[in-house]
Amino acid sequence: MMMCGGLDEPKAADQKIQSICNKVKPHVEQKAGKSYEVFTAKTYREQLVAGINYFIKVHVGGENHIHIRVYQKLPSNKEDDLELNGIQEQKSHSEPIEYF
């Protein structure tokens, strides 16, 4: 069960999380100023606020990973209710996902 305001434990990314990544990829590329041929969600954490913050570790090729923070408004079943709120670049596979 997700605690309001706190980050839950890391989980393996599933198709829902990959779909979120696919939707925000153009915004991530614009913000980072680069294109990613590989953009695969690996793990994620959730934070329940007045919606859900998704903190997602994304493999972007080679040994390179990034962490992205995506906000989804609630209540909503529309995937276009997503907002990219942050990127952390130059992350490794082993680095934990923390709040940013």
PDB file of N, CA and C in Angstrom:
ATOM      1  N   MET A   1       0.839  -1.189   0.000  1.00  0.00           N
ATOM      2  CA  MET A   1       0.000   0.000   0.000  1.00  0.00           C
ATOM      3  C   MET A   1       0.880   1.247   0.000  1.00  0.00           C
ATOM      4  N   MET A   2       0.529   2.188  -0.845  1.00  0.00           N
ATOM      5  CA  MET A   2       1.300   3.413  -0.972  1.00  0.00           C
ATOM      6  C   MET A   2       0.934   4.385   0.153  1.00  0.00           C
ATOM      7  N   MET A   3       1.971   4.967   0.780  1.00  0.00           N
ATOM      8  CA  MET A   3       1.759   5.932   1.851  1.00  0.00           C
ATOM      9  C   MET A   3       1.677   7.334   1.248  1.00  0.00           C
ATOM     10  N   CYS A   4       0.689   8.101   1.647  1.00  0.00           N
ATOM     11  CA  CYS A   4       0.523   9.453   1.140  1.00  0.00           C
ATOM     12  C   CYS A   4       1.753  10.293   1.493  1.00  0.00           C
ATOM     13  N   GLY A   5       2.370  10.867   0.478  1.00  0.00           N
ATOM     14  CA  GLY A   5       3.519  11.741   0.668  1.00  0.00           C
ATOM     15  C   GLY A   5       4.859  11.050   0.625  1.00  0.00           C
ATOM     16  N   GLY A   6       4.929   9.772   0.947  1.00  0.00           N
ATOM     17  CA  GLY A   6       6.197   9.057   0.956  1.00  0.00           C
ATOM     18  C   GLY A   6       6.390   8.250  -0.312  1.00  0.00           C
ATOM     19  N   LEU A   7       7.644   7.916  -0.609  1.00  0.00           N
ATOM     20  CA  LEU A   7       7.938   7.057  -1.753  1.00  0.00           C
ATOM     21  C   LEU A   7       7.769   5.602  -1.340  1.00  0.00           C
ATOM     22  N   ASP A   8       7.149   4.816  -2.224  1.00  0.00           N
ATOM     23  CA  ASP A   8       7.035   3.397  -1.940  1.00  0.00           C
ATOM     24  C   ASP A   8       8.333   2.685  -2.319  1.00  0.00           C
ATOM     25  N   GLU A   9       8.377   1.400  -2.124  1.00  0.00           N
ATOM     26  CA  GLU A   9       9.569   0.616  -2.438  1.00  0.00           C
ATOM     27  C   GLU A   9       9.724   0.469  -3.951  1.00  0.00           C
ATOM     28  N   PRO A  10      10.965   0.356  -4.444  1.00  0.00           N
ATOM     29  CA  PRO A  10      11.178   0.170  -5.885  1.00  0.00           C
ATOM     30  C   PRO A  10      10.522  -1.115  -6.388  1.00  0.00           C
ATOM     31  N   LYS A  11       9.976  -1.013  -7.595  1.00  0.00           N
ATOM     32  CA  LYS A  11       9.336  -2.151  -8.245  1.00  0.00           C
ATOM     33  C   LYS A  11       9.858  -2.260  -9.675  1.00  0.00           C
ATOM     34  N   ALA A  12       9.798  -3.471 -10.230  1.00  0.00           N
ATOM     35  CA  ALA A  12      10.161  -3.667 -11.630  1.00  0.00           C
ATOM     36  C   ALA A  12       9.137  -2.967 -12.505  1.00  0.00           C
ATOM     37  N   ALA A  13       9.606  -2.304 -13.543  1.00  0.00           N
ATOM     38  CA  ALA A  13       8.708  -1.602 -14.461  1.00  0.00           C
ATOM     39  C   ALA A  13       7.860  -2.616 -15.221  1.00  0.00           C
ATOM     40  N   ASP A  14       6.608  -2.237 -15.456  1.00  0.00           N
ATOM     41  CA  ASP A  14       5.693  -3.077 -16.222  1.00  0.00           C
ATOM     42  C   ASP A  14       5.248  -2.305 -17.465  1.00  0.00           C
ATOM     43  N   GLN A  15       4.278  -2.843 -18.185  1.00  0.00           N
ATOM     44  CA  GLN A  15       3.838  -2.210 -19.429  1.00  0.00           C
ATOM     45  C   GLN A  15       3.234  -0.833 -19.177  1.00  0.00           C
ATOM     46  N   LYS A  16       2.546  -0.649 -18.058  1.00  0.00           N
ATOM     47  CA  LYS A  16       1.969   0.672 -17.740  1.00  0.00           C
ATOM     48  C   LYS A  16       3.074   1.721 -17.612  1.00  0.00           C
ATOM     49  N   ILE A  17       4.153   1.371 -16.907  1.00  0.00           N
ATOM     50  CA  ILE A  17       5.257   2.317 -16.709  1.00  0.00           C
ATOM     51  C   ILE A  17       5.977   2.572 -18.029  1.00  0.00           C
ATOM     52  N   GLN A  18       6.157   1.533 -18.849  1.00  0.00           N
ATOM     53  CA  GLN A  18       6.782   1.732 -20.159  1.00  0.00           C
ATOM     54  C   GLN A  18       5.923   2.639 -21.031  1.00  0.00           C
ATOM     55  N   SER A  19       4.609   2.492 -20.941  1.00  0.00           N
ATOM     56  CA  SER A  19       3.703   3.347 -21.698  1.00  0.00           C
ATOM     57  C   SER A  19       3.849   4.811 -21.275  1.00  0.00           C
ATOM     58  N   ILE A  20       3.975   5.057 -19.966  1.00  0.00           N
ATOM     59  CA  ILE A  20       4.202   6.415 -19.470  1.00  0.00           C
ATOM     60  C   ILE A  20       5.509   6.955 -20.050  1.00  0.00           C
ATOM     61  N   CYS A  21       6.560   6.140 -20.043  1.00  0.00           N
ATOM     62  CA  CYS A  21       7.853   6.560 -20.600  1.00  0.00           C
ATOM     63  C   CYS A  21       7.733   6.893 -22.073  1.00  0.00           C
ATOM     64  N   ASN A  22       7.010   6.070 -22.816  1.00  0.00           N
ATOM     65  CA  ASN A  22       6.833   6.317 -24.246  1.00  0.00           C
ATOM     66  C   ASN A  22       6.132   7.645 -24.494  1.00  0.00           C
ATOM     67  N   LYS A  23       5.157   7.977 -23.642  1.00  0.00           N
ATOM     68  CA  LYS A  23       4.410   9.229 -23.811  1.00  0.00           C
ATOM     69  C   LYS A  23       5.273  10.456 -23.519  1.00  0.00           C
ATOM     70  N   VAL A  24       6.162  10.375 -22.523  1.00  0.00           N
ATOM     71  CA  VAL A  24       6.945  11.555 -22.139  1.00  0.00           C
ATOM     72  C   VAL A  24       8.316  11.610 -22.818  1.00  0.00           C
ATOM     73  N   LYS A  25       8.683  10.572 -23.564  1.00  0.00           N
ATOM     74  CA  LYS A  25      10.010  10.533 -24.201  1.00  0.00           C
ATOM     75  C   LYS A  25      10.330  11.805 -24.999  1.00  0.00           C
ATOM     76  N   PRO A  26       9.414  12.315 -25.846  1.00  0.00           N
ATOM     77  CA  PRO A  26       9.751  13.553 -26.580  1.00  0.00           C
ATOM     78  C   PRO A  26      10.073  14.727 -25.657  1.00  0.00           C
ATOM     79  N   HIS A  27       9.387  14.818 -24.520  1.00  0.00           N
ATOM     80  CA  HIS A  27       9.632  15.901 -23.561  1.00  0.00           C
ATOM     81  C   HIS A  27      10.984  15.714 -22.868  1.00  0.00           C
ATOM     82  N   VAL A  28      11.326  14.454 -22.569  1.00  0.00           N
ATOM     83  CA  VAL A  28      12.624  14.156 -21.962  1.00  0.00           C
ATOM     84  C   VAL A  28      13.738  14.531 -22.933  1.00  0.00           C
ATOM     85  N   GLU A  29      13.591  14.144 -24.201  1.00  0.00           N
ATOM     86  CA  GLU A  29      14.611  14.448 -25.202  1.00  0.00           C
ATOM     87  C   GLU A  29      14.770  15.949 -25.395  1.00  0.00           C
ATOM     88  N   GLN A  30      13.657  16.667 -25.391  1.00  0.00           N
ATOM     89  CA  GLN A  30      13.718  18.122 -25.529  1.00  0.00           C
ATOM     90  C   GLN A  30      14.443  18.746 -24.342  1.00  0.00           C
ATOM     91  N   LYS A  31      14.097  18.312 -23.133  1.00  0.00           N
ATOM     92  CA  LYS A  31      14.703  18.874 -21.925  1.00  0.00           C
ATOM     93  C   LYS A  31      16.192  18.524 -21.832  1.00  0.00           C
ATOM     94  N   ALA A  32      16.554  17.295 -22.245  1.00  0.00           N
ATOM     95  CA  ALA A  32      17.948  16.848 -22.179  1.00  0.00           C
ATOM     96  C   ALA A  32      18.773  17.348 -23.360  1.00  0.00           C
ATOM     97  N   GLY A  33      18.094  17.765 -24.423  1.00  0.00           N
ATOM     98  CA  GLY A  33      18.809  18.245 -25.606  1.00  0.00           C
ATOM     99  C   GLY A  33      19.480  17.132 -26.380  1.00  0.00           C
ATOM    100  N   LYS A  34      18.917  15.923 -26.324  1.00  0.00           N
ATOM    101  CA  LYS A  34      19.470  14.792 -27.060  1.00  0.00           C
ATOM    102  C   LYS A  34      18.378  13.790 -27.370  1.00  0.00           C
ATOM    103  N   SER A  35      18.666  12.911 -28.330  1.00  0.00           N
ATOM    104  CA  SER A  35      17.738  11.843 -28.700  1.00  0.00           C
ATOM    105  C   SER A  35      18.226  10.530 -28.120  1.00  0.00           C
ATOM    106  N   TYR A  36      17.286   9.682 -27.770  1.00  0.00           N
ATOM    107  CA  TYR A  36      17.605   8.370 -27.221  1.00  0.00           C
ATOM    108  C   TYR A  36      17.046   7.288 -28.132  1.00  0.00           C
ATOM    109  N   GLU A  37      17.921   6.416 -28.660  1.00  0.00           N
ATOM    110  CA  GLU A  37      17.463   5.294 -29.464  1.00  0.00           C
ATOM    111  C   GLU A  37      16.847   4.230 -28.567  1.00  0.00           C
ATOM    112  N   VAL A  38      17.425   4.055 -27.375  1.00  0.00           N
ATOM    113  CA  VAL A  38      16.917   3.112 -26.388  1.00  0.00           C
ATOM    114  C   VAL A  38      16.254   3.935 -25.291  1.00  0.00           C
ATOM    115  N   PHE A  39      15.066   3.517 -24.854  1.00  0.00           N
ATOM    116  CA  PHE A  39      14.353   4.238 -23.798  1.00  0.00           C
ATOM    117  C   PHE A  39      13.458   3.227 -23.084  1.00  0.00           C
ATOM    118  N   THR A  40      14.094   2.405 -22.242  1.00  0.00           N
ATOM    119  CA  THR A  40      13.416   1.274 -21.622  1.00  0.00           C
ATOM    120  C   THR A  40      13.305   1.461 -20.112  1.00  0.00           C
ATOM    121  N   ALA A  41      12.076   1.484 -19.622  1.00  0.00           N
ATOM    122  CA  ALA A  41      11.834   1.592 -18.175  1.00  0.00           C
ATOM    123  C   ALA A  41      12.342   0.339 -17.489  1.00  0.00           C
ATOM    124  N   LYS A  42      13.083   0.508 -16.386  1.00  0.00           N
ATOM    125  CA  LYS A  42      13.632  -0.621 -15.640  1.00  0.00           C
ATOM    126  C   LYS A  42      12.952  -0.803 -14.290  1.00  0.00           C
ATOM    127  N   THR A  43      13.000   0.228 -13.453  1.00  0.00           N
ATOM    128  CA  THR A  43      12.362   0.177 -12.142  1.00  0.00           C
ATOM    129  C   THR A  43      11.685   1.520 -11.883  1.00  0.00           C
ATOM    130  N   TYR A  44      10.819   1.540 -10.883  1.00  0.00           N
ATOM    131  CA  TYR A  44      10.137   2.793 -10.556  1.00  0.00           C
ATOM    132  C   TYR A  44       9.675   2.788  -9.111  1.00  0.00           C
ATOM    133  N   ARG A  45       9.391   3.987  -8.643  1.00  0.00           N
ATOM    134  CA  ARG A  45       8.788   4.198  -7.325  1.00  0.00           C
ATOM    135  C   ARG A  45       7.648   5.184  -7.516  1.00  0.00           C
ATOM    136  N   GLU A  46       6.667   5.113  -6.637  1.00  0.00           N
ATOM    137  CA  GLU A  46       5.524   6.013  -6.705  1.00  0.00           C
ATOM    138  C   GLU A  46       5.429   6.845  -5.437  1.00  0.00           C
ATOM    139  N   GLN A  47       4.885   8.049  -5.588  1.00  0.00           N
ATOM    140  CA  GLN A  47       4.601   8.928  -4.458  1.00  0.00           C
ATOM    141  C   GLN A  47       3.189   9.460  -4.652  1.00  0.00           C
ATOM    142  N   LEU A  48       2.322   9.184  -3.690  1.00  0.00           N
ATOM    143  CA  LEU A  48       0.948   9.664  -3.737  1.00  0.00           C
ATOM    144  C   LEU A  48       0.901  11.083  -3.183  1.00  0.00           C
ATOM    145  N   VAL A  49       0.484  12.011  -4.029  1.00  0.00           N
ATOM    146  CA  VAL A  49       0.318  13.416  -3.631  1.00  0.00           C
ATOM    147  C   VAL A  49      -1.106  13.782  -4.060  1.00  0.00           C
ATOM    148  N   ALA A  50      -1.322  14.924  -4.672  1.00  0.00           N
ATOM    149  CA  ALA A  50      -2.641  15.244  -5.238  1.00  0.00           C
ATOM    150  C   ALA A  50      -2.705  14.645  -6.634  1.00  0.00           C
ATOM    151  N   GLY A  51      -2.146  13.476  -6.741  1.00  0.00           N
ATOM    152  CA  GLY A  51      -1.962  12.721  -7.965  1.00  0.00           C
ATOM    153  C   GLY A  51      -0.883  11.704  -7.649  1.00  0.00           C
ATOM    154  N   ILE A  52      -0.166  11.242  -8.659  1.00  0.00           N
ATOM    155  CA  ILE A  52       0.927  10.302  -8.433  1.00  0.00           C
ATOM    156  C   ILE A  52       2.184  10.811  -9.114  1.00  0.00           C
ATOM    157  N   ASN A  53       3.277  10.891  -8.351  1.00  0.00           N
ATOM    158  CA  ASN A  53       4.594  11.128  -8.929  1.00  0.00           C
ATOM    159  C   ASN A  53       5.210   9.766  -9.196  1.00  0.00           C
ATOM    160  N   TYR A  54       5.642   9.549 -10.425  1.00  0.00           N
ATOM    161  CA  TYR A  54       6.374   8.344 -10.786  1.00  0.00           C
ATOM    162  C   TYR A  54       7.842   8.718 -10.922  1.00  0.00           C
ATOM    163  N   PHE A  55       8.692   8.035 -10.192  1.00  0.00           N
ATOM    164  CA  PHE A  55      10.141   8.196 -10.298  1.00  0.00           C
ATOM    165  C   PHE A  55      10.625   6.941 -11.026  1.00  0.00           C
ATOM    166  N   ILE A  56      11.095   7.107 -12.259  1.00  0.00           N
ATOM    167  CA  ILE A  56      11.358   5.965 -13.128  1.00  0.00           C
ATOM    168  C   ILE A  56      12.822   5.938 -13.557  1.00  0.00           C
ATOM    169  N   LYS A  57      13.460   4.779 -13.392  1.00  0.00           N
ATOM    170  CA  LYS A  57      14.811   4.562 -13.909  1.00  0.00           C
ATOM    171  C   LYS A  57      14.667   4.050 -15.335  1.00  0.00           C
ATOM    172  N   VAL A  58      15.302   4.756 -16.293  1.00  0.00           N
ATOM    173  CA  VAL A  58      15.168   4.430 -17.705  1.00  0.00           C
ATOM    174  C   VAL A  58      16.551   4.123 -18.285  1.00  0.00           C
ATOM    175  N   HIS A  59      16.660   2.963 -18.945  1.00  0.00           N
ATOM    176  CA  HIS A  59      17.902   2.605 -19.649  1.00  0.00           C
ATOM    177  C   HIS A  59      17.890   3.339 -20.984  1.00  0.00           C
ATOM    178  N   VAL A  60      18.972   4.079 -21.275  1.00  0.00           N
ATOM    179  CA  VAL A  60      19.034   4.878 -22.497  1.00  0.00           C
ATOM    180  C   VAL A  60      20.186   4.446 -23.414  1.00  0.00           C
ATOM    181  N   GLY A  61      20.706   3.240 -23.213  1.00  0.00           N
ATOM    182  CA  GLY A  61      21.742   2.703 -24.089  1.00  0.00           C
ATOM    183  C   GLY A  61      23.050   2.487 -23.362  1.00  0.00           C
ATOM    184  N   GLY A  62      23.772   1.443 -23.767  1.00  0.00           N
ATOM    185  CA  GLY A  62      25.050   1.121 -23.136  1.00  0.00           C
ATOM    186  C   GLY A  62      24.877   0.894 -21.653  1.00  0.00           C
ATOM    187  N   GLU A  63      25.729   1.538 -20.870  1.00  0.00           N
ATOM    188  CA  GLU A  63      25.618   1.463 -19.402  1.00  0.00           C
ATOM    189  C   GLU A  63      24.866   2.667 -18.840  1.00  0.00           C
ATOM    190  N   ASN A  64      24.275   3.473 -19.720  1.00  0.00           N
ATOM    191  CA  ASN A  64      23.672   4.745 -19.323  1.00  0.00           C
ATOM    192  C   ASN A  64      22.210   4.604 -18.921  1.00  0.00           C
ATOM    193  N   HIS A  65      21.879   5.285 -17.834  1.00  0.00           N
ATOM    194  CA  HIS A  65      20.516   5.350 -17.332  1.00  0.00           C
ATOM    195  C   HIS A  65      20.210   6.800 -16.960  1.00  0.00           C
ATOM    196  N   ILE A  66      18.937   7.119 -16.949  1.00  0.00           N
ATOM    197  CA  ILE A  66      18.477   8.405 -16.423  1.00  0.00           C
ATOM    198  C   ILE A  66      17.338   8.115 -15.454  1.00  0.00           C
ATOM    199  N   HIS A  67      17.061   9.063 -14.577  1.00  0.00           N
ATOM    200  CA  HIS A  67      15.892   8.996 -13.717  1.00  0.00           C
ATOM    201  C   HIS A  67      14.971  10.129 -14.155  1.00  0.00           C
ATOM    202  N   ILE A  68      13.702   9.800 -14.310  1.00  0.00           N
ATOM    203  CA  ILE A  68      12.730  10.838 -14.671  1.00  0.00           C
ATOM    204  C   ILE A  68      11.616  10.860 -13.626  1.00  0.00           C
ATOM    205  N   ARG A  69      11.046  12.040 -13.425  1.00  0.00           N
ATOM    206  CA  ARG A  69       9.902  12.193 -12.528  1.00  0.00           C
ATOM    207  C   ARG A  69       8.724  12.665 -13.361  1.00  0.00           C
ATOM    208  N   VAL A  70       7.651  11.885 -13.321  1.00  0.00           N
ATOM    209  CA  VAL A  70       6.445  12.181 -14.103  1.00  0.00           C
ATOM    210  C   VAL A  70       5.269  12.276 -13.147  1.00  0.00           C
ATOM    211  N   TYR A  71       4.494  13.336 -13.303  1.00  0.00           N
ATOM    212  CA  TYR A  71       3.315  13.547 -12.466  1.00  0.00           C
ATOM    213  C   TYR A  71       2.061  13.198 -13.254  1.00  0.00           C
ATOM    214  N   GLN A  72       1.164  12.439 -12.633  1.00  0.00           N
ATOM    215  CA  GLN A  72      -0.134  12.134 -13.234  1.00  0.00           C
ATOM    216  C   GLN A  72      -1.224  12.631 -12.307  1.00  0.00           C
ATOM    217  N   LYS A  73      -2.108  13.474 -12.855  1.00  0.00           N
ATOM    218  CA  LYS A  73      -3.216  14.024 -12.079  1.00  0.00           C
ATOM    219  C   LYS A  73      -4.191  12.909 -11.709  1.00  0.00           C
ATOM    220  N   LEU A  74      -4.845  13.078 -10.581  1.00  0.00           N
ATOM    221  CA  LEU A  74      -5.901  12.157 -10.170  1.00  0.00           C
ATOM    222  C   LEU A  74      -7.155  12.943  -9.882  1.00  0.00           C
ATOM    223  N   PRO A  75      -8.328  12.408 -10.045  1.00  0.00           N
ATOM    224  CA  PRO A  75      -8.552  11.122 -10.693  1.00  0.00           C
ATOM    225  C   PRO A  75      -8.435  11.282 -12.195  1.00  0.00           C
ATOM    226  N   SER A  76      -7.813  10.317 -12.833  1.00  0.00           N
ATOM    227  CA  SER A  76      -7.648  10.380 -14.275  1.00  0.00           C
ATOM    228  C   SER A  76      -7.359   8.998 -14.818  1.00  0.00           C
ATOM    229  N   ASN A  77      -7.985   8.680 -15.894  1.00  0.00           N
ATOM    230  CA  ASN A  77      -7.673   7.462 -16.630  1.00  0.00           C
ATOM    231  C   ASN A  77      -7.013   7.809 -17.953  1.00  0.00           C
ATOM    232  N   LYS A  78      -6.806   9.107 -18.186  1.00  0.00           N
ATOM    233  CA  LYS A  78      -6.219   9.539 -19.457  1.00  0.00           C
ATOM    234  C   LYS A  78      -4.701   9.619 -19.317  1.00  0.00           C
ATOM    235  N   GLU A  79      -4.003   8.912 -20.215  1.00  0.00           N
ATOM    236  CA  GLU A  79      -2.545   8.921 -20.160  1.00  0.00           C
ATOM    237  C   GLU A  79      -1.956  10.255 -20.599  1.00  0.00           C
ATOM    238  N   ASP A  80      -2.775  11.109 -21.233  1.00  0.00           N
ATOM    239  CA  ASP A  80      -2.236  12.405 -21.641  1.00  0.00           C
ATOM    240  C   ASP A  80      -2.268  13.398 -20.482  1.00  0.00           C
ATOM    241  N   ASP A  81      -2.706  12.964 -19.317  1.00  0.00           N
ATOM    242  CA  ASP A  81      -2.643  13.790 -18.113  1.00  0.00           C
ATOM    243  C   ASP A  81      -1.303  13.592 -17.404  1.00  0.00           C
ATOM    244  N   LEU A  82      -0.231  13.518 -18.187  1.00  0.00           N
ATOM    245  CA  LEU A  82       1.114  13.303 -17.656  1.00  0.00           C
ATOM    246  C   LEU A  82       1.934  14.564 -17.827  1.00  0.00           C
ATOM    247  N   GLU A  83       2.783  14.844 -16.836  1.00  0.00           N
ATOM    248  CA  GLU A  83       3.635  16.029 -16.887  1.00  0.00           C
ATOM    249  C   GLU A  83       5.034  15.644 -16.429  1.00  0.00           C
ATOM    250  N   LEU A  84       6.022  15.879 -17.298  1.00  0.00           N
ATOM    251  CA  LEU A  84       7.417  15.631 -16.934  1.00  0.00           C
ATOM    252  C   LEU A  84       7.863  16.725 -15.975  1.00  0.00           C
ATOM    253  N   ASN A  85       8.325  16.323 -14.778  1.00  0.00           N
ATOM    254  CA  ASN A  85       8.722  17.296 -13.764  1.00  0.00           C
ATOM    255  C   ASN A  85      10.207  17.287 -13.451  1.00  0.00           C
ATOM    256  N   GLY A  86      10.964  16.373 -14.020  1.00  0.00           N
ATOM    257  CA  GLY A  86      12.389  16.378 -13.724  1.00  0.00           C
ATOM    258  C   GLY A  86      13.133  15.247 -14.405  1.00  0.00           C
ATOM    259  N   ILE A  87      14.421  15.491 -14.605  1.00  0.00           N
ATOM    260  CA  ILE A  87      15.324  14.495 -15.188  1.00  0.00           C
ATOM    261  C   ILE A  87      16.627  14.536 -14.403  1.00  0.00           C
ATOM    262  N   GLN A  88      17.182  13.370 -14.133  1.00  0.00           N
ATOM    263  CA  GLN A  88      18.536  13.255 -13.603  1.00  0.00           C
ATOM    264  C   GLN A  88      19.308  12.388 -14.592  1.00  0.00           C
ATOM    265  N   GLU A  89      20.355  12.956 -15.164  1.00  0.00           N
ATOM    266  CA  GLU A  89      21.145  12.234 -16.158  1.00  0.00           C
ATOM    267  C   GLU A  89      22.378  11.596 -15.515  1.00  0.00           C
ATOM    268  N   GLN A  90      23.077  10.791 -16.314  1.00  0.00           N
ATOM    269  CA  GLN A  90      24.330  10.147 -15.909  1.00  0.00           C
ATOM    270  C   GLN A  90      24.150   9.304 -14.653  1.00  0.00           C
ATOM    271  N   LYS A  91      23.142   8.459 -14.672  1.00  0.00           N
ATOM    272  CA  LYS A  91      22.893   7.520 -13.579  1.00  0.00           C
ATOM    273  C   LYS A  91      23.351   6.130 -14.008  1.00  0.00           C
ATOM    274  N   SER A  92      23.679   5.288 -13.034  1.00  0.00           N
ATOM    275  CA  SER A  92      24.064   3.910 -13.332  1.00  0.00           C
ATOM    276  C   SER A  92      22.902   2.980 -13.005  1.00  0.00           C
ATOM    277  N   HIS A  93      23.011   1.748 -13.475  1.00  0.00           N
ATOM    278  CA  HIS A  93      21.964   0.758 -13.208  1.00  0.00           C
ATOM    279  C   HIS A  93      21.796   0.514 -11.707  1.00  0.00           C
ATOM    280  N   SER A  94      22.883   0.606 -10.964  1.00  0.00           N
ATOM    281  CA  SER A  94      22.851   0.271  -9.541  1.00  0.00           C
ATOM    282  C   SER A  94      22.426   1.438  -8.639  1.00  0.00           C
ATOM    283  N   GLU A  95      22.386   2.654  -9.162  1.00  0.00           N
ATOM    284  CA  GLU A  95      21.997   3.801  -8.319  1.00  0.00           C
ATOM    285  C   GLU A  95      20.531   3.736  -7.939  1.00  0.00           C
ATOM    286  N   PRO A  96      20.217   3.910  -6.665  1.00  0.00           N
ATOM    287  CA  PRO A  96      18.816   3.856  -6.243  1.00  0.00           C
ATOM    288  C   PRO A  96      18.050   5.096  -6.729  1.00  0.00           C
ATOM    289  N   ILE A  97      16.766   4.904  -6.900  1.00  0.00           N
ATOM    290  CA  ILE A  97      15.888   6.015  -7.257  1.00  0.00           C
ATOM    291  C   ILE A  97      15.498   6.732  -5.969  1.00  0.00           C
ATOM    292  N   GLU A  98      15.860   7.990  -5.881  1.00  0.00           N
ATOM    293  CA  GLU A  98      15.541   8.807  -4.709  1.00  0.00           C
ATOM    294  C   GLU A  98      14.658   9.978  -5.141  1.00  0.00           C
ATOM    295  N   TYR A  99      14.048  10.632  -4.169  1.00  0.00           N
ATOM    296  CA  TYR A  99      13.224  11.811  -4.457  1.00  0.00           C
ATOM    297  C   TYR A  99      14.090  12.915  -5.060  1.00  0.00           C
ATOM    298  N   PHE A 100      13.595  13.553  -6.096  1.00  0.00           N
ATOM    299  CA  PHE A 100      14.256  14.736  -6.657  1.00  0.00           C
ATOM    300  C   PHE A 100      13.214  15.658  -7.240  1.00  0.00           C
TER     301      PHE A 100
END
